C-alpha atoms as a PDB file:
ATOM      1  CA  UNK A   1     127.813 124.259 295.176  1.00  0.00           C
ATOM      2  CA  UNK A   2     127.631 122.252 291.854  1.00  0.00           C
ATOM      3  CA  UNK A   3     127.014 123.826 288.468  1.00  0.00           C
ATOM      4  CA  UNK A   4     125.718 121.829 285.695  1.00  0.00           C
ATOM      5  CA  UNK A   5     124.733 122.270 281.829  1.00  0.00           C
ATOM      6  CA  UNK A   6     123.494 119.139 280.486  1.00  0.00           C
ATOM      7  CA  UNK A   7     120.322 118.184 282.656  1.00  0.00           C
ATOM      8  CA  UNK A   8     118.523 115.750 280.380  1.00  0.00           C
ATOM      9  CA  UNK A   9     121.054 113.198 280.661  1.00  0.00           C
ATOM     10  CA  UNK A  10     121.188 113.560 284.585  1.00  0.00           C
ATOM     11  CA  UNK A  11     124.372 114.623 286.159  1.00  0.00           C
ATOM     12  CA  UNK A  12     126.145 113.186 289.259  1.00  0.00           C
ATOM     13  CA  UNK A  13     126.024 115.563 292.201  1.00  0.00           C
ATOM     14  CA  UNK A  14     129.466 115.598 293.592  1.00  0.00           C
ATOM     15  CA  UNK A  15     130.366 116.149 296.463  1.00  0.00           C
ATOM     16  CA  UNK A  16     127.536 114.958 298.521  1.00  0.00           C
ATOM     17  CA  UNK A  17     127.659 115.697 302.043  1.00  0.00           C
ATOM     18  CA  UNK A  18     129.842 113.222 304.383  1.00  0.00           C
ATOM     19  CA  UNK A  19     127.739 111.045 306.667  1.00  0.00           C
ATOM     20  CA  UNK A  20     128.919 111.126 310.403  1.00  0.00           C
ATOM     21  CA  UNK A  21     127.172 109.196 312.960  1.00  0.00           C
ATOM     22  CA  UNK A  22     128.215 107.546 316.265  1.00  0.00           C
ATOM     23  CA  UNK A  23     125.954 104.551 315.216  1.00  0.00           C
ATOM     24  CA  UNK A  24     127.273 101.926 312.811  1.00  0.00           C
ATOM     25  CA  UNK A  25     123.947 101.625 310.964  1.00  0.00           C
ATOM     26  CA  UNK A  26     121.208 103.720 309.417  1.00  0.00           C
ATOM     27  CA  UNK A  27     117.551 103.076 308.837  1.00  0.00           C
ATOM     28  CA  UNK A  28     116.622 105.768 306.223  1.00  0.00           C
ATOM     29  CA  UNK A  29     118.043 108.959 304.102  1.00  0.00           C
ATOM     30  CA  UNK A  30     116.238 111.756 302.598  1.00  0.00           C
ATOM     31  CA  UNK A  31     117.229 113.927 299.763  1.00  0.00           C
ATOM     32  CA  UNK A  32     115.094 116.726 299.195  1.00  0.00           C
ATOM     33  CA  UNK A  33     114.894 119.479 296.304  1.00  0.00           C
ATOM     34  CA  UNK A  34     113.432 122.252 298.335  1.00  0.00           C
ATOM     35  CA  UNK A  35     112.611 124.442 295.282  1.00  0.00           C
ATOM     36  CA  UNK A  36     111.973 121.971 292.563  1.00  0.00           C
ATOM     37  CA  UNK A  37     110.686 122.566 289.090  1.00  0.00           C
ATOM     38  CA  UNK A  38     108.019 120.172 287.725  1.00  0.00           C
ATOM     39  CA  UNK A  39     110.319 117.933 285.658  1.00  0.00           C
ATOM     40  CA  UNK A  40     112.980 117.779 288.258  1.00  0.00           C
ATOM     41  CA  UNK A  41     114.069 114.406 289.634  1.00  0.00           C
ATOM     42  CA  UNK A  42     116.845 112.503 291.751  1.00  0.00           C
ATOM     43  CA  UNK A  43     118.115 109.129 291.516  1.00  0.00           C
ATOM     44  CA  UNK A  44     120.696 106.626 292.848  1.00  0.00           C
ATOM     45  CA  UNK A  45     121.999 103.369 292.053  1.00  0.00           C
ATOM     46  CA  UNK A  46     121.041 100.629 294.769  1.00  0.00           C
ATOM     47  CA  UNK A  47     122.114  97.730 292.696  1.00  0.00           C
ATOM     48  CA  UNK A  48     124.923  96.620 295.136  1.00  0.00           C
ATOM     49  CA  UNK A  49     123.217  97.314 298.221  1.00  0.00           C
ATOM     50  CA  UNK A  50     119.873  96.121 300.144  1.00  0.00           C
ATOM     51  CA  UNK A  51     118.750  99.737 300.359  1.00  0.00           C
ATOM     52  CA  UNK A  52     115.368 100.547 298.797  1.00  0.00           C
ATOM     53  CA  UNK A  53     115.044 103.831 296.851  1.00  0.00           C
ATOM     54  CA  UNK A  54     111.768 105.906 295.702  1.00  0.00           C
ATOM     55  CA  UNK A  55     111.205 109.373 294.433  1.00  0.00           C
ATOM     56  CA  UNK A  56     108.154 111.556 294.614  1.00  0.00           C
ATOM     57  CA  UNK A  57     107.362 115.224 294.984  1.00  0.00           C
ATOM     58  CA  UNK A  58     110.906 116.342 295.118  1.00  0.00           C
ATOM     59  CA  UNK A  59     111.913 113.939 297.684  1.00  0.00           C
ATOM     60  CA  UNK A  60     114.393 110.901 297.086  1.00  0.00           C
ATOM     61  CA  UNK A  61     113.810 108.262 299.976  1.00  0.00           C
ATOM     62  CA  UNK A  62     116.568 105.536 300.955  1.00  0.00           C
ATOM     63  CA  UNK A  63     115.227 102.855 303.370  1.00  0.00           C
ATOM     64  CA  UNK A  64     116.397  99.655 304.727  1.00  0.00           C
ATOM     65  CA  UNK A  65     119.032  98.852 307.652  1.00  0.00           C
ATOM     66  CA  UNK A  66     122.492  99.585 306.305  1.00  0.00           C
ATOM     67  CA  UNK A  67     126.046 100.518 307.482  1.00  0.00           C
ATOM     68  CA  UNK A  68     126.843 104.303 307.099  1.00  0.00           C
ATOM     69  CA  UNK A  69     129.432 103.342 304.422  1.00  0.00           C
ATOM     70  CA  UNK A  70     126.643 101.588 302.606  1.00  0.00           C
ATOM     71  CA  UNK A  71     124.372 104.764 302.804  1.00  0.00           C
ATOM     72  CA  UNK A  72     127.351 106.865 301.869  1.00  0.00           C
ATOM     73  CA  UNK A  73     128.030 104.771 298.882  1.00  0.00           C
ATOM     74  CA  UNK A  74     124.617 105.009 297.501  1.00  0.00           C
ATOM     75  CA  UNK A  75     124.422 108.577 297.927  1.00  0.00           C
ATOM     76  CA  UNK A  76     127.518 109.204 296.216  1.00  0.00           C
ATOM     77  CA  UNK A  77     125.712 107.978 293.082  1.00  0.00           C
ATOM     78  CA  UNK A  78     123.213 110.673 293.515  1.00  0.00           C
ATOM     79  CA  UNK A  79     122.090 112.185 290.077  1.00  0.00           C
ATOM     80  CA  UNK A  80     119.915 115.332 289.353  1.00  0.00           C
ATOM     81  CA  UNK A  81     117.917 115.797 286.101  1.00  0.00           C
ATOM     82  CA  UNK A  82     115.801 118.562 285.140  1.00  0.00           C
ATOM     83  CA  UNK A  83     114.907 120.856 282.333  1.00  0.00           C
ATOM     84  CA  UNK A  84     116.675 124.000 280.702  1.00  0.00           C
ATOM     85  CA  UNK A  85     113.349 126.090 281.051  1.00  0.00           C
ATOM     86  CA  UNK A  86     114.026 126.432 284.898  1.00  0.00           C
ATOM     87  CA  UNK A  87     117.433 127.930 285.526  1.00  0.00           C
ATOM     88  CA  UNK A  88     116.776 128.950 289.163  1.00  0.00           C
ATOM     89  CA  UNK A  89     119.398 127.239 291.534  1.00  0.00           C
ATOM     90  CA  UNK A  90     118.111 124.155 293.198  1.00  0.00           C
ATOM     91  CA  UNK A  91     118.617 123.675 297.024  1.00  0.00           C
ATOM     92  CA  UNK A  92     119.033 119.861 297.800  1.00  0.00           C
ATOM     93  CA  UNK A  93     118.581 119.055 301.440  1.00  0.00           C
ATOM     94  CA  UNK A  94     120.189 115.844 302.806  1.00  0.00           C
ATOM     95  CA  UNK A  95     119.247 114.028 306.070  1.00  0.00           C
ATOM     96  CA  UNK A  96     119.808 110.497 307.557  1.00  0.00           C
ATOM     97  CA  UNK A  97     118.092 108.709 310.398  1.00  0.00           C
ATOM     98  CA  UNK A  98     119.985 106.208 312.391  1.00  0.00           C
ATOM     99  CA  UNK A  99     118.698 102.894 314.023  1.00  0.00           C
ATOM    100  CA  UNK A 100     118.050 104.721 317.263  1.00  0.00           C
ATOM    101  CA  UNK A 101     115.651 106.993 315.428  1.00  0.00           C
ATOM    102  CA  UNK A 102     117.909 110.035 315.671  1.00  0.00           C
ATOM    103  CA  UNK A 103     117.778 112.421 312.742  1.00  0.00           C
ATOM    104  CA  UNK A 104     121.071 114.121 311.523  1.00  0.00           C
ATOM    105  CA  UNK A 105     121.174 117.940 311.062  1.00  0.00           C
ATOM    106  CA  UNK A 106     120.331 118.907 307.482  1.00  0.00           C
ATOM    107  CA  UNK A 107     122.914 119.290 305.279  1.00  0.00           C
ATOM    108  CA  UNK A 108     122.355 121.672 302.201  1.00  0.00           C
ATOM    109  CA  UNK A 109     124.061 121.611 298.770  1.00  0.00           C
ATOM    110  CA  UNK A 110     122.943 124.246 296.012  1.00  0.00           C
ATOM    111  CA  UNK A 111     122.870 123.289 292.317  1.00  0.00           C
ATOM    112  CA  UNK A 112     123.354 126.208 289.714  1.00  0.00           C
ATOM    113  CA  UNK A 113     122.162 125.249 286.191  1.00  0.00           C
ATOM    114  CA  UNK A 114     123.761 126.990 283.323  1.00  0.00           C
ATOM    115  CA  UNK A 115     123.138 126.956 279.617  1.00  0.00           C
END
């Protein structure tokens, strides 16, 4: 569980779940705020990878063929932004899909917001 107090700057979520897969390559990942507030957002830094990120409706999507290590590296840059008016804990779900189309079990992380 992460606990954060300065949401406007966006805070890095650590630790993100560790990716373990029998395949060496992944095709996608999704990170979902299951109970988002209207101004919540997630972002990652893909500058050092060939992965493409997009965010809409509480879901951060990563796409593109990449190694497990590349996906893990990008997910390790995950940042959460929100507003102080919505203090309920947020549940953030992680899921990856390998090149064979097999999806992982969902891993959940809870973020608690403090003033």
